[in-house]
Protein backbone atom coordinates (compact mmCIF):
# COMPACT_ATOMS: atom_id res chain seq x y z
CA MET A 1 -27.70 17.37 -29.15
CA SER A 2 -26.36 19.50 -26.38
CA TYR A 3 -25.23 23.10 -26.38
CA LEU A 4 -21.68 21.73 -25.65
CA ILE A 5 -21.48 20.54 -29.16
CA TYR A 6 -21.63 24.17 -30.31
CA VAL A 7 -18.95 25.13 -27.85
CA ALA A 8 -16.72 22.36 -29.17
CA ILE A 9 -17.23 23.51 -32.73
CA PHE A 10 -16.35 27.02 -31.73
CA GLY A 11 -13.28 25.83 -30.06
CA GLU A 12 -12.23 23.91 -33.22
CA VAL A 13 -12.79 26.96 -35.34
CA ALA A 14 -10.56 29.02 -33.02
CA VAL A 15 -7.70 26.36 -33.24
CA ILE A 16 -7.92 26.33 -36.99
CA PHE A 17 -8.01 30.25 -37.09
CA LEU A 18 -4.95 30.44 -34.92
CA TRP A 19 -3.15 27.99 -37.16
CA VAL A 20 -3.99 29.89 -40.33
CA ARG A 21 -2.94 33.12 -38.68
CA ASP A 22 0.45 31.61 -37.81
CA ALA A 23 0.93 30.35 -41.19
CA ARG A 24 0.07 33.76 -42.68
CA ILE A 25 2.56 35.51 -40.51
CA PHE A 26 5.27 32.93 -41.39
CA PHE A 27 4.74 33.57 -45.15
CA LEU A 28 4.86 37.31 -44.59
CA THR A 29 7.91 37.37 -42.41
CA GLY A 30 9.83 34.16 -42.66
CA PHE A 31 10.31 33.86 -38.89
CA GLN A 32 11.11 30.36 -37.89
CA GLY A 33 9.03 30.51 -34.64
CA TYR A 34 5.91 31.04 -36.74
CA ARG A 35 6.99 28.24 -39.08
CA LYS A 36 7.11 25.84 -36.15
CA ALA A 37 3.74 27.04 -34.88
CA ALA A 38 2.25 26.58 -38.39
CA TYR A 39 3.53 23.02 -38.61
CA ARG A 40 2.38 22.18 -35.13
CA GLY A 41 -0.89 23.82 -35.89
CA ILE A 42 -1.72 21.06 -38.26
CA ALA A 43 -1.55 18.48 -35.46
CA TYR A 44 -3.35 20.70 -33.02
CA GLY A 45 -6.19 21.25 -35.60
CA ALA A 46 -6.39 17.42 -36.08
CA LEU A 47 -6.62 17.03 -32.30
CA ALA A 48 -9.40 19.63 -32.17
CA THR A 49 -11.32 17.87 -34.99
CA PHE A 50 -10.99 14.58 -33.16
CA GLY A 51 -12.26 16.42 -30.03
CA VAL A 52 -15.27 17.53 -31.92
CA ALA A 53 -15.92 13.97 -33.06
CA CYS A 54 -15.62 12.72 -29.58
CA ALA A 55 -17.98 15.34 -28.32
CA MET A 56 -20.60 14.46 -30.97
CA PHE A 57 -20.46 10.69 -30.77
CA PHE A 58 -18.97 9.72 -27.35
CA LEU A 59 -18.38 11.87 -24.43
CA GLU A 60 -18.83 15.61 -24.59
CA LEU A 61 -16.51 16.44 -21.76
CA LEU A 62 -13.61 14.32 -23.24
CA GLY A 63 -14.08 16.20 -26.58
CA LEU A 64 -13.99 19.57 -24.83
CA GLY A 65 -10.89 18.48 -22.89
CA LEU A 66 -9.10 17.58 -26.15
CA ILE A 67 -9.99 20.87 -27.69
CA LEU A 68 -8.78 22.79 -24.59
CA ALA A 69 -5.58 20.77 -24.71
CA ALA A 70 -5.03 21.77 -28.31
CA LEU A 71 -5.59 25.44 -27.56
CA TYR A 72 -3.27 25.24 -24.62
CA MET A 73 -0.39 23.58 -26.47
CA GLN A 74 -0.89 25.98 -29.41
CA GLY A 75 -0.35 28.93 -27.04
CA ARG A 76 2.78 27.45 -25.52
CA ILE A 77 4.91 27.67 -28.73
CA GLU A 78 7.69 30.36 -28.62
CA ARG A 79 7.38 32.98 -31.36
CA GLU A 80 9.26 36.07 -32.35
CA LYS A 81 7.79 39.48 -31.50
CA VAL A 82 6.16 40.89 -34.67
CA TRP A 83 3.90 43.62 -33.27
CA SER A 84 4.80 46.87 -31.67
CA ASN A 85 1.80 49.38 -31.58
CA GLU A 86 -0.78 47.83 -34.02
CA GLY A 87 -4.42 47.85 -33.20
CA THR A 88 -6.43 45.00 -31.96
CA ILE A 89 -7.92 44.15 -35.39
CA GLY A 90 -4.48 44.09 -36.95
CA ARG A 91 -3.20 41.68 -34.41
CA PHE A 92 -6.35 39.60 -34.58
CA LEU A 93 -5.97 39.10 -38.32
CA GLY A 94 -2.25 38.69 -38.24
CA SER A 95 -1.33 41.60 -40.40
CA VAL A 96 2.34 42.41 -40.13
CA LYS A 97 4.93 44.26 -42.23
CA ARG A 98 6.49 42.17 -45.02
CA GLN A 99 10.08 41.33 -44.39
CA LYS A 100 12.61 39.68 -46.60
CA ALA A 101 12.02 35.92 -46.01
CA ASN A 102 15.00 33.82 -44.99
CA MET A 103 13.70 30.78 -46.84
CA LYS A 104 16.20 28.62 -48.69
């Protein structure tokens, strides 16, 4: 097993973490941009998981390419601005002020 397998697993963990963070921000604020990001994060997480499977059983570079594509597409989603002057750890963990959710 090559070291690239570990890089692929780390990439998948990053995709899943960003998906969970977007879902957490949506549940706290109710912003529709984060709702869309959370829904699309499911598909990107599946793509990253498929990338890890490809890296483990077929071609490592193909798997890494799929994971990088998932990370790229996850970053392209338009979201509302939720942070103003929070610290790095607060942004990393996705802690935002609770707002009245516009969920119906």
